[in-house]
């Protein structure tokens, strides 16, 4: 929410995105030989998209 009100510089966006990419566990889906995508949740209340994507 703070980012919404204060905004971020391009450099801050780069470092935040890079930290998110390089954190946590990663699942290699290359063996499926088909396109894949990441739905990255911020854990906010009311994240209705996760409910739909998880079941798909």
Protein backbone atom coordinates (compact mmCIF):
# COMPACT_ATOMS: atom_id res chain seq x y z
CA UNK A 1 0.00 0.00 0.00
CA UNK A 2 2.88 2.33 0.75
CA UNK A 3 4.19 1.88 -2.80
CA UNK A 4 0.79 2.90 -4.16
CA UNK A 5 0.89 6.21 -2.28
CA UNK A 6 4.62 7.02 -2.51
CA UNK A 7 5.59 5.28 -5.80
CA UNK A 8 8.94 3.68 -6.63
CA UNK A 9 11.81 4.62 -8.91
CA UNK A 10 12.75 2.33 -11.79
CA UNK A 11 15.84 1.29 -9.85
CA UNK A 12 13.77 0.37 -6.78
CA UNK A 13 11.36 -1.64 -8.95
CA UNK A 14 14.34 -3.48 -10.48
CA UNK A 15 15.81 -4.44 -7.10
CA UNK A 16 12.45 -5.46 -5.63
CA UNK A 17 11.63 -7.61 -8.66
CA UNK A 18 15.10 -9.17 -8.64
CA UNK A 19 14.76 -10.02 -4.93
CA UNK A 20 11.37 -11.67 -5.55
CA UNK A 21 12.75 -13.71 -8.46
CA UNK A 22 15.71 -14.96 -6.42
CA UNK A 23 13.83 -15.82 -3.22
CA UNK A 24 11.92 -18.92 -2.22
CA UNK A 25 11.77 -22.27 -3.97
CA UNK A 26 11.68 -22.60 -7.73
CA UNK A 27 9.98 -25.33 -9.70
CA UNK A 28 11.53 -26.19 -13.07
CA UNK A 29 8.73 -27.03 -15.50
CA UNK A 30 10.99 -27.34 -18.57
CA UNK A 31 10.24 -31.07 -18.81
CA UNK A 32 6.61 -30.27 -19.71
CA UNK A 33 7.71 -28.83 -23.07
CA UNK A 34 4.91 -26.26 -22.98
CA UNK A 35 4.53 -22.62 -22.00
CA UNK A 36 4.24 -21.79 -18.30
CA UNK A 37 3.60 -18.62 -16.30
CA UNK A 38 4.01 -17.42 -12.75
CA UNK A 39 1.18 -15.93 -10.75
CA UNK A 40 3.02 -14.20 -7.91
CA UNK A 41 0.78 -13.36 -4.97
CA UNK A 42 1.66 -10.56 -2.59
CA UNK A 43 -0.45 -12.27 0.07
CA UNK A 44 -2.99 -9.49 0.29
CA UNK A 45 -6.48 -9.98 1.63
CA UNK A 46 -8.99 -10.50 -1.14
CA UNK A 47 -6.52 -11.95 -3.63
CA UNK A 48 -9.32 -13.52 -5.69
CA UNK A 49 -7.03 -14.30 -8.61
CA UNK A 50 -5.13 -16.92 -6.60
CA UNK A 51 -8.34 -18.82 -5.90
CA UNK A 52 -9.01 -19.18 -9.63
CA UNK A 53 -5.42 -19.81 -10.78
CA UNK A 54 -4.73 -22.45 -8.11
CA UNK A 55 -7.62 -24.60 -9.29
CA UNK A 56 -6.60 -24.30 -12.95
